[in-house]
PDB file of N, CA and C in Angstrom:
ATOM      1  N   MET A   1     -56.227  85.592 -17.929  1.00  0.00           N
ATOM      2  CA  MET A   1     -55.632  84.570 -17.298  1.00  0.00           C
ATOM      3  C   MET A   1     -56.533  84.231 -16.096  1.00  0.00           C
ATOM      4  N   VAL A   2     -56.674  83.026 -15.869  1.00  0.00           N
ATOM      5  CA  VAL A   2     -57.557  82.564 -14.686  1.00  0.00           C
ATOM      6  C   VAL A   2     -56.774  81.661 -13.798  1.00  0.00           C
ATOM      7  N   ARG A   3     -56.791  81.961 -12.561  1.00  0.00           N
ATOM      8  CA  ARG A   3     -55.975  81.174 -11.649  1.00  0.00           C
ATOM      9  C   ARG A   3     -56.887  80.138 -11.111  1.00  0.00           C
ATOM     10  N   LEU A   4     -56.364  78.738 -11.172  1.00  0.00           N
ATOM     11  CA  LEU A   4     -57.164  77.629 -10.675  1.00  0.00           C
ATOM     12  C   LEU A   4     -56.515  77.170  -9.492  1.00  0.00           C
ATOM     13  N   VAL A   5     -57.368  76.689  -8.581  1.00  0.00           N
ATOM     14  CA  VAL A   5     -56.935  76.210  -7.275  1.00  0.00           C
ATOM     15  C   VAL A   5     -57.047  74.640  -7.256  1.00  0.00           C
ATOM     16  N   ILE A   6     -55.946  74.022  -6.880  1.00  0.00           N
ATOM     17  CA  ILE A   6     -56.006  72.580  -6.738  1.00  0.00           C
ATOM     18  C   ILE A   6     -56.676  72.168  -5.453  1.00  0.00           C
ATOM     19  N   ARG A   7     -57.666  71.213  -5.557  1.00  0.00           N
ATOM     20  CA  ARG A   7     -58.332  70.743  -4.325  1.00  0.00           C
ATOM     21  C   ARG A   7     -58.336  69.211  -4.264  1.00  0.00           C
ATOM     22  N   LYS A   8     -58.415  68.728  -3.077  1.00  0.00           N
ATOM     23  CA  LYS A   8     -58.524  67.291  -2.814  1.00  0.00           C
ATOM     24  C   LYS A   8     -59.843  66.850  -3.209  1.00  0.00           C
ATOM     25  N   VAL A   9     -59.953  65.746  -3.943  1.00  0.00           N
ATOM     26  CA  VAL A   9     -61.260  65.130  -4.368  1.00  0.00           C
ATOM     27  C   VAL A   9     -61.021  63.654  -4.156  1.00  0.00           C
ATOM     28  N   GLY A  10     -61.462  63.203  -3.062  1.00  0.00           N
ATOM     29  CA  GLY A  10     -61.330  61.788  -2.632  1.00  0.00           C
ATOM     30  C   GLY A  10     -59.819  61.501  -2.406  1.00  0.00           C
ATOM     31  N   ASN A  11     -59.169  60.607  -3.088  1.00  0.00           N
ATOM     32  CA  ASN A  11     -57.757  60.336  -2.980  1.00  0.00           C
ATOM     33  C   ASN A  11     -57.044  60.934  -4.126  1.00  0.00           C
ATOM     34  N   SER A  12     -57.683  61.858  -4.877  1.00  0.00           N
ATOM     35  CA  SER A  12     -57.047  62.461  -5.973  1.00  0.00           C
ATOM     36  C   SER A  12     -57.037  63.940  -5.750  1.00  0.00           C
ATOM     37  N   LEU A  13     -56.368  64.658  -6.736  1.00  0.00           N
ATOM     38  CA  LEU A  13     -56.498  66.168  -6.818  1.00  0.00           C
ATOM     39  C   LEU A  13     -57.160  66.608  -7.952  1.00  0.00           C
ATOM     40  N   GLY A  14     -57.908  67.719  -7.893  1.00  0.00           N
ATOM     41  CA  GLY A  14     -58.629  68.176  -9.024  1.00  0.00           C
ATOM     42  C   GLY A  14     -58.683  69.678  -9.084  1.00  0.00           C
ATOM     43  N   VAL A  15     -59.152  70.243 -10.248  1.00  0.00           N
ATOM     44  CA  VAL A  15     -59.361  71.614 -10.377  1.00  0.00           C
ATOM     45  C   VAL A  15     -60.849  71.844 -10.983  1.00  0.00           C
ATOM     46  N   VAL A  16     -61.358  72.953 -10.648  1.00  0.00           N
ATOM     47  CA  VAL A  16     -62.636  73.274 -11.165  1.00  0.00           C
ATOM     48  C   VAL A  16     -62.529  74.209 -12.352  1.00  0.00           C
ATOM     49  N   LEU A  17     -63.088  73.838 -13.452  1.00  0.00           N
ATOM     50  CA  LEU A  17     -62.958  74.750 -14.653  1.00  0.00           C
ATOM     51  C   LEU A  17     -64.132  75.813 -14.567  1.00  0.00           C
ATOM     52  N   PRO A  18     -63.741  77.047 -14.812  1.00  0.00           N
ATOM     53  CA  PRO A  18     -64.700  78.147 -14.968  1.00  0.00           C
ATOM     54  C   PRO A  18     -65.637  77.790 -16.067  1.00  0.00           C
ATOM     55  N   GLN A  19     -66.923  78.170 -15.965  1.00  0.00           N
ATOM     56  CA  GLN A  19     -67.928  77.840 -16.985  1.00  0.00           C
ATOM     57  C   GLN A  19     -67.542  78.280 -18.341  1.00  0.00           C
ATOM     58  N   GLU A  20     -66.774  79.444 -18.401  1.00  0.00           N
ATOM     59  CA  GLU A  20     -66.274  80.005 -19.742  1.00  0.00           C
ATOM     60  C   GLU A  20     -65.390  79.090 -20.420  1.00  0.00           C
ATOM     61  N   ALA A  21     -64.464  78.401 -19.628  1.00  0.00           N
ATOM     62  CA  ALA A  21     -63.530  77.523 -20.043  1.00  0.00           C
ATOM     63  C   ALA A  21     -64.185  76.146 -20.661  1.00  0.00           C
ATOM     64  N   ALA A  22     -65.208  75.766 -19.874  1.00  0.00           N
ATOM     65  CA  ALA A  22     -66.010  74.525 -20.245  1.00  0.00           C
ATOM     66  C   ALA A  22     -66.760  74.851 -21.585  1.00  0.00           C
ATOM     67  N   GLN A  23     -67.257  76.094 -21.731  1.00  0.00           N
ATOM     68  CA  GLN A  23     -67.954  76.299 -22.949  1.00  0.00           C
ATOM     69  C   GLN A  23     -66.991  76.493 -24.106  1.00  0.00           C
ATOM     70  N   THR A  24     -65.864  77.101 -23.900  1.00  0.00           N
ATOM     71  CA  THR A  24     -64.840  77.091 -24.999  1.00  0.00           C
ATOM     72  C   THR A  24     -64.371  75.684 -25.376  1.00  0.00           C
ATOM     73  N   LEU A  25     -64.287  74.845 -24.461  1.00  0.00           N
ATOM     74  CA  LEU A  25     -63.813  73.421 -24.753  1.00  0.00           C
ATOM     75  C   LEU A  25     -64.974  72.525 -25.251  1.00  0.00           C
ATOM     76  N   HIS A  26     -66.223  73.115 -25.176  1.00  0.00           N
ATOM     77  CA  HIS A  26     -67.484  72.448 -25.502  1.00  0.00           C
ATOM     78  C   HIS A  26     -67.575  71.103 -24.623  1.00  0.00           C
ATOM     79  N   VAL A  27     -67.474  71.223 -23.370  1.00  0.00           N
ATOM     80  CA  VAL A  27     -67.586  70.001 -22.502  1.00  0.00           C
ATOM     81  C   VAL A  27     -68.487  70.386 -21.422  1.00  0.00           C
ATOM     82  N   GLY A  28     -68.991  69.343 -20.723  1.00  0.00           N
ATOM     83  CA  GLY A  28     -69.915  69.374 -19.675  1.00  0.00           C
ATOM     84  C   GLY A  28     -69.674  68.265 -18.609  1.00  0.00           C
ATOM     85  N   GLU A  29     -70.500  68.239 -17.657  1.00  0.00           N
ATOM     86  CA  GLU A  29     -70.321  67.192 -16.563  1.00  0.00           C
ATOM     87  C   GLU A  29     -70.275  65.817 -17.214  1.00  0.00           C
ATOM     88  N   GLY A  30     -69.369  64.992 -16.878  1.00  0.00           N
ATOM     89  CA  GLY A  30     -69.274  63.715 -17.360  1.00  0.00           C
ATOM     90  C   GLY A  30     -68.368  63.496 -18.575  1.00  0.00           C
ATOM     91  N   ASP A  31     -68.097  64.541 -19.285  1.00  0.00           N
ATOM     92  CA  ASP A  31     -67.226  64.457 -20.541  1.00  0.00           C
ATOM     93  C   ASP A  31     -65.795  64.240 -20.089  1.00  0.00           C
ATOM     94  N   GLU A  32     -65.032  63.661 -21.051  1.00  0.00           N
ATOM     95  CA  GLU A  32     -63.562  63.346 -20.701  1.00  0.00           C
ATOM     96  C   GLU A  32     -62.773  64.511 -21.314  1.00  0.00           C
ATOM     97  N   LEU A  33     -61.603  64.860 -20.503  1.00  0.00           N
ATOM     98  CA  LEU A  33     -60.729  65.780 -21.079  1.00  0.00           C
ATOM     99  C   LEU A  33     -59.259  64.988 -21.074  1.00  0.00           C
ATOM    100  N   PHE A  34     -58.371  65.322 -21.877  1.00  0.00           N
ATOM    101  CA  PHE A  34     -57.052  64.697 -21.901  1.00  0.00           C
ATOM    102  C   PHE A  34     -56.065  65.727 -21.691  1.00  0.00           C
ATOM    103  N   LEU A  35     -55.064  65.401 -20.851  1.00  0.00           N
ATOM    104  CA  LEU A  35     -53.889  66.122 -20.499  1.00  0.00           C
ATOM    105  C   LEU A  35     -52.741  65.727 -21.178  1.00  0.00           C
ATOM    106  N   THR A  36     -52.270  66.522 -22.115  1.00  0.00           N
ATOM    107  CA  THR A  36     -51.100  66.164 -22.887  1.00  0.00           C
ATOM    108  C   THR A  36     -49.911  67.138 -22.643  1.00  0.00           C
ATOM    109  N   GLU A  37     -48.609  66.577 -22.800  1.00  0.00           N
ATOM    110  CA  GLU A  37     -47.466  67.475 -22.706  1.00  0.00           C
ATOM    111  C   GLU A  37     -47.323  68.297 -23.848  1.00  0.00           C
ATOM    112  N   ALA A  38     -47.020  69.517 -23.658  1.00  0.00           N
ATOM    113  CA  ALA A  38     -46.699  70.503 -24.728  1.00  0.00           C
ATOM    114  C   ALA A  38     -45.214  70.937 -24.648  1.00  0.00           C
ATOM    115  N   PRO A  39     -44.864  71.568 -25.740  1.00  0.00           N
ATOM    116  CA  PRO A  39     -43.388  71.901 -25.780  1.00  0.00           C
ATOM    117  C   PRO A  39     -43.047  72.914 -24.575  1.00  0.00           C
ATOM    118  N   GLY A  40     -41.896  72.861 -24.107  1.00  0.00           N
ATOM    119  CA  GLY A  40     -41.400  73.625 -23.075  1.00  0.00           C
ATOM    120  C   GLY A  40     -41.799  73.305 -21.693  1.00  0.00           C
ATOM    121  N   GLY A  41     -42.183  72.065 -21.492  1.00  0.00           N
ATOM    122  CA  GLY A  41     -42.535  71.644 -20.160  1.00  0.00           C
ATOM    123  C   GLY A  41     -43.973  71.985 -19.744  1.00  0.00           C
ATOM    124  N   ALA A  42     -44.748  72.587 -20.668  1.00  0.00           N
ATOM    125  CA  ALA A  42     -46.180  72.920 -20.372  1.00  0.00           C
ATOM    126  C   ALA A  42     -47.104  71.744 -20.631  1.00  0.00           C
ATOM    127  N   PHE A  43     -48.314  71.901 -20.208  1.00  0.00           N
ATOM    128  CA  PHE A  43     -49.345  70.844 -20.546  1.00  0.00           C
ATOM    129  C   PHE A  43     -50.536  71.538 -21.229  1.00  0.00           C
ATOM    130  N   ARG A  44     -51.272  70.651 -21.908  1.00  0.00           N
ATOM    131  CA  ARG A  44     -52.456  71.047 -22.718  1.00  0.00           C
ATOM    132  C   ARG A  44     -53.592  70.247 -22.271  1.00  0.00           C
ATOM    133  N   ILE A  45     -54.820  70.996 -21.948  1.00  0.00           N
ATOM    134  CA  ILE A  45     -56.015  70.175 -21.718  1.00  0.00           C
ATOM    135  C   ILE A  45     -56.798  70.213 -23.065  1.00  0.00           C
ATOM    136  N   THR A  46     -57.336  69.130 -23.475  1.00  0.00           N
ATOM    137  CA  THR A  46     -58.152  69.185 -24.643  1.00  0.00           C
ATOM    138  C   THR A  46     -59.247  68.007 -24.639  1.00  0.00           C
ATOM    139  N   PRO A  47     -60.321  68.305 -25.275  1.00  0.00           N
ATOM    140  CA  PRO A  47     -61.405  67.204 -25.309  1.00  0.00           C
ATOM    141  C   PRO A  47     -61.204  66.180 -26.329  1.00  0.00           C
ATOM    142  N   TYR A  48     -60.193  66.284 -27.046  1.00  0.00           N
ATOM    143  CA  TYR A  48     -59.735  65.318 -28.183  1.00  0.00           C
ATOM    144  C   TYR A  48     -58.734  64.378 -27.754  1.00  0.00           C
ATOM    145  N   ASP A  49     -59.019  63.135 -27.987  1.00  0.00           N
ATOM    146  CA  ASP A  49     -58.196  61.947 -27.627  1.00  0.00           C
ATOM    147  C   ASP A  49     -57.058  61.956 -28.614  1.00  0.00           C
ATOM    148  N   PRO A  50     -55.674  62.153 -28.084  1.00  0.00           N
ATOM    149  CA  PRO A  50     -54.661  62.173 -29.027  1.00  0.00           C
ATOM    150  C   PRO A  50     -54.451  60.747 -29.647  1.00  0.00           C
ATOM    151  N   ALA A  51     -54.741  59.716 -28.967  1.00  0.00           N
ATOM    152  CA  ALA A  51     -54.625  58.350 -29.434  1.00  0.00           C
ATOM    153  C   ALA A  51     -55.639  58.209 -30.634  1.00  0.00           C
ATOM    154  N   PHE A  52     -56.697  58.680 -30.598  1.00  0.00           N
ATOM    155  CA  PHE A  52     -57.698  58.489 -31.710  1.00  0.00           C
ATOM    156  C   PHE A  52     -57.155  59.350 -32.848  1.00  0.00           C
ATOM    157  N   GLU A  53     -56.685  60.480 -32.665  1.00  0.00           N
ATOM    158  CA  GLU A  53     -56.120  61.406 -33.763  1.00  0.00           C
ATOM    159  C   GLU A  53     -54.995  60.678 -34.456  1.00  0.00           C
ATOM    160  N   GLU A  54     -54.107  59.938 -33.735  1.00  0.00           N
ATOM    161  CA  GLU A  54     -52.954  59.241 -34.292  1.00  0.00           C
ATOM    162  C   GLU A  54     -53.516  58.070 -35.098  1.00  0.00           C
ATOM    163  N   ALA A  55     -54.566  57.381 -34.533  1.00  0.00           N
ATOM    164  CA  ALA A  55     -55.231  56.272 -35.319  1.00  0.00           C
ATOM    165  C   ALA A  55     -55.799  56.701 -36.662  1.00  0.00           C
ATOM    166  N   MET A  56     -56.483  57.861 -36.580  1.00  0.00           N
ATOM    167  CA  MET A  56     -57.092  58.417 -37.813  1.00  0.00           C
ATOM    168  C   MET A  56     -56.061  58.760 -38.806  1.00  0.00           C
ATOM    169  N   THR A  57     -54.782  59.297 -38.403  1.00  0.00           N
ATOM    170  CA  THR A  57     -53.871  59.635 -39.338  1.00  0.00           C
ATOM    171  C   THR A  57     -53.241  58.386 -40.038  1.00  0.00           C
ATOM    172  N   VAL A  58     -53.106  57.319 -39.207  1.00  0.00           N
ATOM    173  CA  VAL A  58     -52.663  56.062 -39.737  1.00  0.00           C
ATOM    174  C   VAL A  58     -53.701  55.553 -40.749  1.00  0.00           C
ATOM    175  N   ALA A  59     -54.914  55.595 -40.389  1.00  0.00           N
ATOM    176  CA  ALA A  59     -56.069  55.052 -41.265  1.00  0.00           C
ATOM    177  C   ALA A  59     -56.129  55.900 -42.565  1.00  0.00           C
ATOM    178  N   GLU A  60     -56.005  57.147 -42.520  1.00  0.00           N
ATOM    179  CA  GLU A  60     -56.048  57.959 -43.769  1.00  0.00           C
ATOM    180  C   GLU A  60     -54.889  57.700 -44.667  1.00  0.00           C
ATOM    181  N   GLU A  61     -53.712  57.530 -44.055  1.00  0.00           N
ATOM    182  CA  GLU A  61     -52.540  57.152 -44.906  1.00  0.00           C
ATOM    183  C   GLU A  61     -52.826  55.694 -45.585  1.00  0.00           C
ATOM    184  N   PHE A  62     -53.307  54.850 -44.846  1.00  0.00           N
ATOM    185  CA  PHE A  62     -53.637  53.530 -45.372  1.00  0.00           C
ATOM    186  C   PHE A  62     -54.702  53.625 -46.495  1.00  0.00           C
ATOM    187  N   MET A  63     -55.730  54.345 -46.188  1.00  0.00           N
ATOM    188  CA  MET A  63     -56.841  54.530 -47.259  1.00  0.00           C
ATOM    189  C   MET A  63     -56.361  55.230 -48.485  1.00  0.00           C
ATOM    190  N   GLY A  64     -55.418  56.190 -48.255  1.00  0.00           N
ATOM    191  CA  GLY A  64     -54.810  56.856 -49.512  1.00  0.00           C
ATOM    192  C   GLY A  64     -53.943  56.048 -50.330  1.00  0.00           C
ATOM    193  N   ARG A  65     -53.235  55.184 -49.662  1.00  0.00           N
ATOM    194  CA  ARG A  65     -52.317  54.068 -50.351  1.00  0.00           C
ATOM    195  C   ARG A  65     -53.143  53.051 -51.113  1.00  0.00           C
ATOM    196  N   TYR A  66     -54.212  52.594 -50.450  1.00  0.00           N
ATOM    197  CA  TYR A  66     -54.939  51.488 -51.135  1.00  0.00           C
ATOM    198  C   TYR A  66     -56.364  51.898 -51.535  1.00  0.00           C
ATOM    199  N   LYS A  67     -56.530  53.158 -52.059  1.00  0.00           N
ATOM    200  CA  LYS A  67     -57.849  53.571 -52.378  1.00  0.00           C
ATOM    201  C   LYS A  67     -58.371  52.848 -53.566  1.00  0.00           C
ATOM    202  N   ASN A  68     -57.564  52.382 -54.479  1.00  0.00           N
ATOM    203  CA  ASN A  68     -58.122  51.667 -55.665  1.00  0.00           C
ATOM    204  C   ASN A  68     -58.640  50.219 -55.110  1.00  0.00           C
ATOM    205  N   ALA A  69     -57.894  49.568 -54.309  1.00  0.00           N
ATOM    206  CA  ALA A  69     -58.306  48.265 -53.763  1.00  0.00           C
ATOM    207  C   ALA A  69     -59.523  48.322 -52.853  1.00  0.00           C
ATOM    208  N   LEU A  70     -59.601  49.388 -52.186  1.00  0.00           N
ATOM    209  CA  LEU A  70     -60.668  49.694 -51.303  1.00  0.00           C
ATOM    210  C   LEU A  70     -61.999  49.996 -52.146  1.00  0.00           C
ATOM    211  N   ARG A  71     -61.830  50.688 -53.295  1.00  0.00           N
ATOM    212  CA  ARG A  71     -62.955  51.114 -54.096  1.00  0.00           C
ATOM    213  C   ARG A  71     -63.468  49.735 -54.590  1.00  0.00           C
ATOM    214  N   GLU A  72     -62.529  48.790 -55.139  1.00  0.00           N
ATOM    215  CA  GLU A  72     -62.978  47.623 -55.654  1.00  0.00           C
ATOM    216  C   GLU A  72     -63.605  46.678 -54.639  1.00  0.00           C
ATOM    217  N   LEU A  73     -63.242  46.609 -53.467  1.00  0.00           N
ATOM    218  CA  LEU A  73     -63.877  45.905 -52.363  1.00  0.00           C
ATOM    219  C   LEU A  73     -65.260  46.404 -52.024  1.00  0.00           C
ATOM    220  N   ALA A  74     -65.390  47.729 -52.288  1.00  0.00           N
ATOM    221  CA  ALA A  74     -66.738  48.356 -51.887  1.00  0.00           C
ATOM    222  C   ALA A  74     -67.784  47.948 -52.897  1.00  0.00           C
ATOM    223  N   LYS A  75     -67.387  47.461 -54.103  1.00  0.00           N
ATOM    224  CA  LYS A  75     -68.402  47.077 -55.141  1.00  0.00           C
ATOM    225  C   LYS A  75     -69.214  45.934 -54.790  1.00  0.00           C
TER     226      LYS A  75
END
């Protein structure tokens, strides 16, 4: 467990991620992180955009349903 301290950054609040956490998340300076709610009132920090994941799920369902039509269109 690592304790993070909240600091004032301009008009916002921020935390500094330890290098080990940044390496585990495969992120660096300028990369985006997403804060999402997790069960039990907790939060999750991830480099993956949950909206993109949802869009990909919808796209995969669509492609699976219409794979024959899409195959013909690709010819």
